[in-house]
């Protein structure tokens, strides 16, 4: 953790000193500012993760269920993921699969926490996939149970490391994920949030076989009857 904090801080202070005391042309000036901004964003993400895990451990995070359109939420998450893929200059195709065909799916749950878990999983999928496909999907297993999947064609995770990756400040050893940075908090936070929402999370993966993260959470909807009919029809 000290390394993760010191690295962006040293970059921020170092490039700030260059701008303050050295002569730089416009191109260099903008380049240094970009590096300062990137390091600041990394440090902010780290601080947010530490605050989240601290709140979870102290029981201060409370769910705030509200009515929202799940399909719009998925589109928004996908847009952020596409931006991340573009910024990393990776040749990754992002696929979003929605089980129900209608334009909107109005449900009641905590949209912020659902989005947070999905983004964490997509961020990891993109990080550990050099090129190929990342797929986000959901299905309704019961009238009021959602199952989300984030599947990638990346380097995969050895079976013996499936438990480690959900622990705080832990990452799979180099043999699995070839340390690509990060704090090791994203999946720990995701697991805690899924449990808080009354669900569970798991992973299926092996080396060079990609990874599929699955989590399920309960939800409520006024359209439960029509959804139940749809599920029964497709399971018949």
C-alpha atoms as a PDB file:
ATOM      1  CA  UNK A   1       0.000   0.000   0.000  1.00  0.00           C
ATOM      2  CA  UNK A   2       2.821   2.430   0.787  1.00  0.00           C
ATOM      3  CA  UNK A   3       4.147   1.892  -2.740  1.00  0.00           C
ATOM      4  CA  UNK A   4       0.711   2.540  -4.261  1.00  0.00           C
ATOM      5  CA  UNK A   5       0.441   5.831  -2.329  1.00  0.00           C
ATOM      6  CA  UNK A   6       4.008   7.044  -2.778  1.00  0.00           C
ATOM      7  CA  UNK A   7       4.228   6.417  -6.534  1.00  0.00           C
ATOM      8  CA  UNK A   8       1.531   8.924  -7.622  1.00  0.00           C
ATOM      9  CA  UNK A   9       2.532  11.380  -4.877  1.00  0.00           C
ATOM     10  CA  UNK A  10       6.171  11.373  -6.039  1.00  0.00           C
ATOM     11  CA  UNK A  11       5.015  11.909  -9.623  1.00  0.00           C
ATOM     12  CA  UNK A  12       2.781  14.832  -8.633  1.00  0.00           C
ATOM     13  CA  UNK A  13       5.536  16.516  -6.586  1.00  0.00           C
ATOM     14  CA  UNK A  14       8.270  15.761  -9.105  1.00  0.00           C
ATOM     15  CA  UNK A  15       6.475  17.097 -12.170  1.00  0.00           C
ATOM     16  CA  UNK A  16       5.194  20.086 -10.178  1.00  0.00           C
ATOM     17  CA  UNK A  17       8.801  20.978  -9.299  1.00  0.00           C
ATOM     18  CA  UNK A  18       9.769  20.762 -12.976  1.00  0.00           C
ATOM     19  CA  UNK A  19       6.969  23.174 -13.922  1.00  0.00           C
ATOM     20  CA  UNK A  20       7.860  25.557 -11.102  1.00  0.00           C
ATOM     21  CA  UNK A  21      11.631  25.719 -11.494  1.00  0.00           C
ATOM     22  CA  UNK A  22      12.571  24.562 -15.006  1.00  0.00           C
ATOM     23  CA  UNK A  23      11.922  26.128 -18.365  1.00  0.00           C
ATOM     24  CA  UNK A  24       9.628  23.983 -20.510  1.00  0.00           C
ATOM     25  CA  UNK A  25       8.119  24.509 -23.923  1.00  0.00           C
ATOM     26  CA  UNK A  26       4.357  24.256 -24.429  1.00  0.00           C
ATOM     27  CA  UNK A  27       4.432  20.593 -25.483  1.00  0.00           C
ATOM     28  CA  UNK A  28       6.494  19.571 -22.449  1.00  0.00           C
ATOM     29  CA  UNK A  29       4.335  21.744 -20.200  1.00  0.00           C
ATOM     30  CA  UNK A  30       1.120  20.011 -21.347  1.00  0.00           C
ATOM     31  CA  UNK A  31       2.780  16.592 -21.082  1.00  0.00           C
ATOM     32  CA  UNK A  32       3.825  17.232 -17.476  1.00  0.00           C
ATOM     33  CA  UNK A  33       0.353  18.519 -16.604  1.00  0.00           C
ATOM     34  CA  UNK A  34      -1.158  15.370 -18.100  1.00  0.00           C
ATOM     35  CA  UNK A  35       1.114  13.211 -15.944  1.00  0.00           C
ATOM     36  CA  UNK A  36       0.187  15.199 -12.836  1.00  0.00           C
ATOM     37  CA  UNK A  37      -3.514  14.780 -13.623  1.00  0.00           C
ATOM     38  CA  UNK A  38      -3.143  11.042 -14.231  1.00  0.00           C
ATOM     39  CA  UNK A  39      -1.242  10.580 -10.961  1.00  0.00           C
ATOM     40  CA  UNK A  40      -3.859  12.643  -9.123  1.00  0.00           C
ATOM     41  CA  UNK A  41      -6.643  10.465 -10.502  1.00  0.00           C
ATOM     42  CA  UNK A  42      -4.787   7.313  -9.414  1.00  0.00           C
ATOM     43  CA  UNK A  43      -4.328   8.716  -5.922  1.00  0.00           C
ATOM     44  CA  UNK A  44      -8.001   9.741  -5.718  1.00  0.00           C
ATOM     45  CA  UNK A  45      -9.119   6.258  -6.768  1.00  0.00           C
ATOM     46  CA  UNK A  46      -6.878   4.749  -4.099  1.00  0.00           C
ATOM     47  CA  UNK A  47      -8.284   7.088  -1.430  1.00  0.00           C
ATOM     48  CA  UNK A  48     -11.845   6.250  -2.489  1.00  0.00           C
ATOM     49  CA  UNK A  49     -11.098   2.510  -2.236  1.00  0.00           C
ATOM     50  CA  UNK A  50      -9.585   2.909   1.239  1.00  0.00           C
ATOM     51  CA  UNK A  51     -12.585   4.960   2.400  1.00  0.00           C
ATOM     52  CA  UNK A  52     -15.019   2.394   0.983  1.00  0.00           C
ATOM     53  CA  UNK A  53     -13.339  -0.612   2.590  1.00  0.00           C
ATOM     54  CA  UNK A  54     -13.115   1.282   5.904  1.00  0.00           C
ATOM     55  CA  UNK A  55     -16.829   2.147   5.785  1.00  0.00           C
ATOM     56  CA  UNK A  56     -17.737  -1.429   4.918  1.00  0.00           C
ATOM     57  CA  UNK A  57     -15.685  -2.834   7.809  1.00  0.00           C
ATOM     58  CA  UNK A  58     -17.193  -0.357  10.271  1.00  0.00           C
ATOM     59  CA  UNK A  59     -20.748  -0.974   9.018  1.00  0.00           C
ATOM     60  CA  UNK A  60     -21.204   2.630   7.890  1.00  0.00           C
ATOM     61  CA  UNK A  61     -22.269   1.855   4.322  1.00  0.00           C
ATOM     62  CA  UNK A  62     -26.045   1.660   4.038  1.00  0.00           C
ATOM     63  CA  UNK A  63     -27.942   0.634   0.945  1.00  0.00           C
ATOM     64  CA  UNK A  64     -30.143   3.259  -0.714  1.00  0.00           C
ATOM     65  CA  UNK A  65     -32.638   1.374  -2.880  1.00  0.00           C
ATOM     66  CA  UNK A  66     -34.464   3.393  -5.484  1.00  0.00           C
ATOM     67  CA  UNK A  67     -36.367   2.883  -8.707  1.00  0.00           C
ATOM     68  CA  UNK A  68     -34.230   3.059 -11.849  1.00  0.00           C
ATOM     69  CA  UNK A  69     -33.876   1.684 -15.380  1.00  0.00           C
ATOM     70  CA  UNK A  70     -31.385  -1.191 -15.375  1.00  0.00           C
ATOM     71  CA  UNK A  71     -30.866  -1.007 -19.138  1.00  0.00           C
ATOM     72  CA  UNK A  72     -29.862   2.670 -18.926  1.00  0.00           C
ATOM     73  CA  UNK A  73     -27.452   1.836 -16.094  1.00  0.00           C
ATOM     74  CA  UNK A  74     -25.841  -0.907 -18.221  1.00  0.00           C
ATOM     75  CA  UNK A  75     -25.507   1.493 -21.160  1.00  0.00           C
ATOM     76  CA  UNK A  76     -23.810   4.066 -18.908  1.00  0.00           C
ATOM     77  CA  UNK A  77     -21.391   1.495 -17.486  1.00  0.00           C
ATOM     78  CA  UNK A  78     -20.598   0.275 -21.001  1.00  0.00           C
ATOM     79  CA  UNK A  79     -19.874   3.839 -22.115  1.00  0.00           C
ATOM     80  CA  UNK A  80     -17.344   4.284 -19.306  1.00  0.00           C
ATOM     81  CA  UNK A  81     -15.777   0.919 -20.176  1.00  0.00           C
ATOM     82  CA  UNK A  82     -15.494   1.911 -23.845  1.00  0.00           C
ATOM     83  CA  UNK A  83     -13.719   5.112 -22.817  1.00  0.00           C
ATOM     84  CA  UNK A  84     -11.311   3.080 -20.667  1.00  0.00           C
ATOM     85  CA  UNK A  85     -10.574   0.712 -23.564  1.00  0.00           C
ATOM     86  CA  UNK A  86      -9.888   3.670 -25.846  1.00  0.00           C
ATOM     87  CA  UNK A  87      -7.635   5.407 -23.309  1.00  0.00           C
ATOM     88  CA  UNK A  88      -5.566   2.228 -22.888  1.00  0.00           C
ATOM     89  CA  UNK A  89      -5.392   1.808 -26.689  1.00  0.00           C
ATOM     90  CA  UNK A  90      -6.462  -1.815 -26.516  1.00  0.00           C
ATOM     91  CA  UNK A  91      -8.099  -3.836 -29.275  1.00  0.00           C
ATOM     92  CA  UNK A  92     -10.998  -5.076 -27.159  1.00  0.00           C
ATOM     93  CA  UNK A  93     -14.566  -5.541 -28.327  1.00  0.00           C
ATOM     94  CA  UNK A  94     -17.110  -4.777 -25.609  1.00  0.00           C
ATOM     95  CA  UNK A  95     -20.356  -6.764 -25.853  1.00  0.00           C
ATOM     96  CA  UNK A  96     -23.461  -5.997 -23.762  1.00  0.00           C
ATOM     97  CA  UNK A  97     -26.223  -8.634 -23.630  1.00  0.00           C
ATOM     98  CA  UNK A  98     -29.629  -7.844 -22.130  1.00  0.00           C
ATOM     99  CA  UNK A  99     -31.948 -10.799 -21.508  1.00  0.00           C
ATOM    100  CA  UNK A 100     -35.209  -8.861 -21.706  1.00  0.00           C
ATOM    101  CA  UNK A 101     -35.904  -7.270 -25.100  1.00  0.00           C
ATOM    102  CA  UNK A 102     -37.782  -4.144 -23.996  1.00  0.00           C
ATOM    103  CA  UNK A 103     -36.087  -0.757 -24.062  1.00  0.00           C
ATOM    104  CA  UNK A 104     -36.504  -0.204 -20.314  1.00  0.00           C
ATOM    105  CA  UNK A 105     -36.342  -2.504 -17.305  1.00  0.00           C
ATOM    106  CA  UNK A 106     -37.493  -0.572 -14.248  1.00  0.00           C
ATOM    107  CA  UNK A 107     -36.365  -2.170 -10.995  1.00  0.00           C
ATOM    108  CA  UNK A 108     -35.798  -1.212  -7.368  1.00  0.00           C
ATOM    109  CA  UNK A 109     -32.323  -1.705  -5.905  1.00  0.00           C
ATOM    110  CA  UNK A 110     -29.256   0.415  -5.053  1.00  0.00           C
ATOM    111  CA  UNK A 111     -28.124   1.656  -8.488  1.00  0.00           C
ATOM    112  CA  UNK A 112     -24.907   3.237  -7.209  1.00  0.00           C
ATOM    113  CA  UNK A 113     -23.677  -0.019  -5.644  1.00  0.00           C
ATOM    114  CA  UNK A 114     -24.740  -2.144  -8.621  1.00  0.00           C
ATOM    115  CA  UNK A 115     -22.860   0.231 -10.914  1.00  0.00           C
ATOM    116  CA  UNK A 116     -19.829   0.237  -8.632  1.00  0.00           C
ATOM    117  CA  UNK A 117     -19.541  -3.566  -8.680  1.00  0.00           C
ATOM    118  CA  UNK A 118     -20.042  -3.750 -12.452  1.00  0.00           C
ATOM    119  CA  UNK A 119     -17.429  -1.074 -13.078  1.00  0.00           C
ATOM    120  CA  UNK A 120     -14.906  -2.794 -10.800  1.00  0.00           C
ATOM    121  CA  UNK A 121     -15.372  -6.075 -12.671  1.00  0.00           C
ATOM    122  CA  UNK A 122     -15.186  -4.430 -16.100  1.00  0.00           C
ATOM    123  CA  UNK A 123     -12.103  -2.455 -15.084  1.00  0.00           C
ATOM    124  CA  UNK A 124     -10.350  -5.690 -14.083  1.00  0.00           C
ATOM    125  CA  UNK A 125     -11.477  -7.470 -17.249  1.00  0.00           C
ATOM    126  CA  UNK A 126     -10.038  -4.677 -19.415  1.00  0.00           C
ATOM    127  CA  UNK A 127      -6.846  -4.455 -17.353  1.00  0.00           C
ATOM    128  CA  UNK A 128      -6.017  -8.146 -17.776  1.00  0.00           C
ATOM    129  CA  UNK A 129      -7.115  -8.507 -21.402  1.00  0.00           C
ATOM    130  CA  UNK A 130      -4.548  -7.432 -23.987  1.00  0.00           C
ATOM    131  CA  UNK A 131      -6.935  -7.918 -26.901  1.00  0.00           C
ATOM    132  CA  UNK A 132     -10.113  -9.868 -27.558  1.00  0.00           C
ATOM    133  CA  UNK A 133     -13.553  -9.600 -26.011  1.00  0.00           C
ATOM    134  CA  UNK A 134     -15.121  -8.374 -22.780  1.00  0.00           C
ATOM    135  CA  UNK A 135     -18.783  -9.258 -22.315  1.00  0.00           C
ATOM    136  CA  UNK A 136     -21.297  -7.808 -19.847  1.00  0.00           C
ATOM    137  CA  UNK A 137     -24.636  -9.583 -19.480  1.00  0.00           C
ATOM    138  CA  UNK A 138     -27.492 -10.300 -17.111  1.00  0.00           C
ATOM    139  CA  UNK A 139     -30.238 -12.889 -16.786  1.00  0.00           C
ATOM    140  CA  UNK A 140     -33.221 -13.194 -14.462  1.00  0.00           C
ATOM    141  CA  UNK A 141     -33.084 -16.549 -12.710  1.00  0.00           C
ATOM    142  CA  UNK A 142     -36.199 -15.921 -10.636  1.00  0.00           C
ATOM    143  CA  UNK A 143     -38.835 -13.184 -10.748  1.00  0.00           C
ATOM    144  CA  UNK A 144     -36.769 -11.143  -8.287  1.00  0.00           C
ATOM    145  CA  UNK A 145     -33.165 -12.358  -8.695  1.00  0.00           C
ATOM    146  CA  UNK A 146     -30.666 -10.834 -11.122  1.00  0.00           C
ATOM    147  CA  UNK A 147     -27.524 -12.637 -12.238  1.00  0.00           C
ATOM    148  CA  UNK A 148     -24.776 -10.509 -13.802  1.00  0.00           C
ATOM    149  CA  UNK A 149     -21.744 -11.855 -15.653  1.00  0.00           C
ATOM    150  CA  UNK A 150     -18.565 -10.112 -16.764  1.00  0.00           C
ATOM    151  CA  UNK A 151     -16.586 -12.387 -19.074  1.00  0.00           C
ATOM    152  CA  UNK A 152     -13.222 -11.690 -20.693  1.00  0.00           C
ATOM    153  CA  UNK A 153     -10.780 -13.456 -23.003  1.00  0.00           C
ATOM    154  CA  UNK A 154      -7.745 -12.355 -20.992  1.00  0.00           C
ATOM    155  CA  UNK A 155      -4.880 -14.194 -19.337  1.00  0.00           C
ATOM    156  CA  UNK A 156      -7.051 -15.863 -16.710  1.00  0.00           C
ATOM    157  CA  UNK A 157      -6.532 -16.766 -13.060  1.00  0.00           C
ATOM    158  CA  UNK A 158      -5.184 -20.039 -11.705  1.00  0.00           C
ATOM    159  CA  UNK A 159      -7.811 -22.043  -9.727  1.00  0.00           C
ATOM    160  CA  UNK A 160      -5.706 -21.935  -6.542  1.00  0.00           C
ATOM    161  CA  UNK A 161      -5.869 -18.124  -6.625  1.00  0.00           C
ATOM    162  CA  UNK A 162      -9.659 -17.794  -6.897  1.00  0.00           C
ATOM    163  CA  UNK A 163     -10.000 -17.167  -3.157  1.00  0.00           C
ATOM    164  CA  UNK A 164      -6.971 -14.877  -2.838  1.00  0.00           C
ATOM    165  CA  UNK A 165      -8.238 -12.279  -5.311  1.00  0.00           C
ATOM    166  CA  UNK A 166     -11.280 -11.481  -3.141  1.00  0.00           C
ATOM    167  CA  UNK A 167      -9.126 -10.749  -0.073  1.00  0.00           C
ATOM    168  CA  UNK A 168      -8.147  -7.205   0.903  1.00  0.00           C
ATOM    169  CA  UNK A 169      -4.801  -5.951  -0.455  1.00  0.00           C
ATOM    170  CA  UNK A 170      -4.227  -9.286  -2.199  1.00  0.00           C
ATOM    171  CA  UNK A 171      -3.655  -9.991  -5.862  1.00  0.00           C
ATOM    172  CA  UNK A 172      -3.019 -13.193  -7.756  1.00  0.00           C
ATOM    173  CA  UNK A 173       0.720 -14.004  -7.921  1.00  0.00           C
ATOM    174  CA  UNK A 174       2.693 -13.183 -11.039  1.00  0.00           C
ATOM    175  CA  UNK A 175       2.066 -16.638 -12.414  1.00  0.00           C
ATOM    176  CA  UNK A 176      -1.626 -15.837 -12.767  1.00  0.00           C
ATOM    177  CA  UNK A 177      -2.130 -12.183 -13.431  1.00  0.00           C
ATOM    178  CA  UNK A 178       1.394 -10.827 -13.833  1.00  0.00           C
ATOM    179  CA  UNK A 179       1.181  -7.945 -11.402  1.00  0.00           C
ATOM    180  CA  UNK A 180      -0.427  -5.103 -13.345  1.00  0.00           C
ATOM    181  CA  UNK A 181      -0.704  -2.620 -10.531  1.00  0.00           C
ATOM    182  CA  UNK A 182      -3.650  -1.761  -8.361  1.00  0.00           C
ATOM    183  CA  UNK A 183      -4.324  -2.001  -4.669  1.00  0.00           C
ATOM    184  CA  UNK A 184      -6.036  -5.372  -4.480  1.00  0.00           C
ATOM    185  CA  UNK A 185      -9.126  -3.677  -3.034  1.00  0.00           C
ATOM    186  CA  UNK A 186     -11.513  -3.648  -6.009  1.00  0.00           C
ATOM    187  CA  UNK A 187     -12.680  -7.254  -5.761  1.00  0.00           C
ATOM    188  CA  UNK A 188     -12.725  -7.178  -1.951  1.00  0.00           C
ATOM    189  CA  UNK A 189     -15.011  -4.131  -2.095  1.00  0.00           C
ATOM    190  CA  UNK A 190     -17.163  -5.757  -4.771  1.00  0.00           C
ATOM    191  CA  UNK A 191     -17.600  -8.922  -2.724  1.00  0.00           C
ATOM    192  CA  UNK A 192     -18.548  -6.929   0.382  1.00  0.00           C
ATOM    193  CA  UNK A 193     -21.071  -4.807  -1.554  1.00  0.00           C
ATOM    194  CA  UNK A 194     -22.652  -7.869  -3.175  1.00  0.00           C
ATOM    195  CA  UNK A 195     -22.994  -9.520   0.240  1.00  0.00           C
ATOM    196  CA  UNK A 196     -24.470  -6.292   1.626  1.00  0.00           C
ATOM    197  CA  UNK A 197     -27.085  -6.398  -1.145  1.00  0.00           C
ATOM    198  CA  UNK A 198     -27.973  -9.960  -0.126  1.00  0.00           C
ATOM    199  CA  UNK A 199     -26.173 -11.693  -2.976  1.00  0.00           C
ATOM    200  CA  UNK A 200     -23.023 -13.668  -3.720  1.00  0.00           C
ATOM    201  CA  UNK A 201     -20.114 -13.467  -6.164  1.00  0.00           C
ATOM    202  CA  UNK A 202     -17.846 -16.082  -7.738  1.00  0.00           C
ATOM    203  CA  UNK A 203     -15.276 -16.573 -10.495  1.00  0.00           C
ATOM    204  CA  UNK A 204     -14.599 -19.262 -13.091  1.00  0.00           C
ATOM    205  CA  UNK A 205     -11.173 -19.088 -14.679  1.00  0.00           C
ATOM    206  CA  UNK A 206      -7.886 -20.768 -15.513  1.00  0.00           C
ATOM    207  CA  UNK A 207      -4.566 -19.627 -16.939  1.00  0.00           C
ATOM    208  CA  UNK A 208      -4.910 -18.470 -20.573  1.00  0.00           C
ATOM    209  CA  UNK A 209      -8.632 -19.290 -20.492  1.00  0.00           C
ATOM    210  CA  UNK A 210     -10.059 -15.879 -19.632  1.00  0.00           C
ATOM    211  CA  UNK A 211     -12.240 -15.232 -16.592  1.00  0.00           C
ATOM    212  CA  UNK A 212     -15.957 -15.043 -15.868  1.00  0.00           C
ATOM    213  CA  UNK A 213     -17.099 -13.195 -12.753  1.00  0.00           C
ATOM    214  CA  UNK A 214     -20.694 -13.849 -11.723  1.00  0.00           C
ATOM    215  CA  UNK A 215     -22.731 -12.154  -9.033  1.00  0.00           C
ATOM    216  CA  UNK A 216     -26.381 -12.335  -8.172  1.00  0.00           C
ATOM    217  CA  UNK A 217     -28.504  -9.934  -6.177  1.00  0.00           C
ATOM    218  CA  UNK A 218     -32.189  -9.749  -5.264  1.00  0.00           C
ATOM    219  CA  UNK A 219     -34.266  -6.898  -6.653  1.00  0.00           C
ATOM    220  CA  UNK A 220     -37.847  -5.695  -6.705  1.00  0.00           C
ATOM    221  CA  UNK A 221     -40.021  -4.556  -9.575  1.00  0.00           C
ATOM    222  CA  UNK A 222     -43.630  -3.656 -10.124  1.00  0.00           C
ATOM    223  CA  UNK A 223     -43.456  -5.796 -13.250  1.00  0.00           C
ATOM    224  CA  UNK A 224     -42.618  -8.976 -11.338  1.00  0.00           C
ATOM    225  CA  UNK A 225     -45.600 -10.838 -12.768  1.00  0.00           C
ATOM    226  CA  UNK A 226     -44.652 -10.145 -16.392  1.00  0.00           C
ATOM    227  CA  UNK A 227     -41.009 -11.000 -15.681  1.00  0.00           C
ATOM    228  CA  UNK A 228     -42.041 -14.273 -14.045  1.00  0.00           C
ATOM    229  CA  UNK A 229     -44.089 -15.102 -17.150  1.00  0.00           C
ATOM    230  CA  UNK A 230     -41.089 -14.351 -19.368  1.00  0.00           C
ATOM    231  CA  UNK A 231     -38.773 -16.557 -17.257  1.00  0.00           C
ATOM    232  CA  UNK A 232     -41.239 -19.446 -17.189  1.00  0.00           C
ATOM    233  CA  UNK A 233     -41.723 -19.234 -20.961  1.00  0.00           C
ATOM    234  CA  UNK A 234     -37.992 -19.323 -21.656  1.00  0.00           C
ATOM    235  CA  UNK A 235     -37.336 -22.128 -19.165  1.00  0.00           C
ATOM    236  CA  UNK A 236     -40.131 -24.305 -20.504  1.00  0.00           C
END
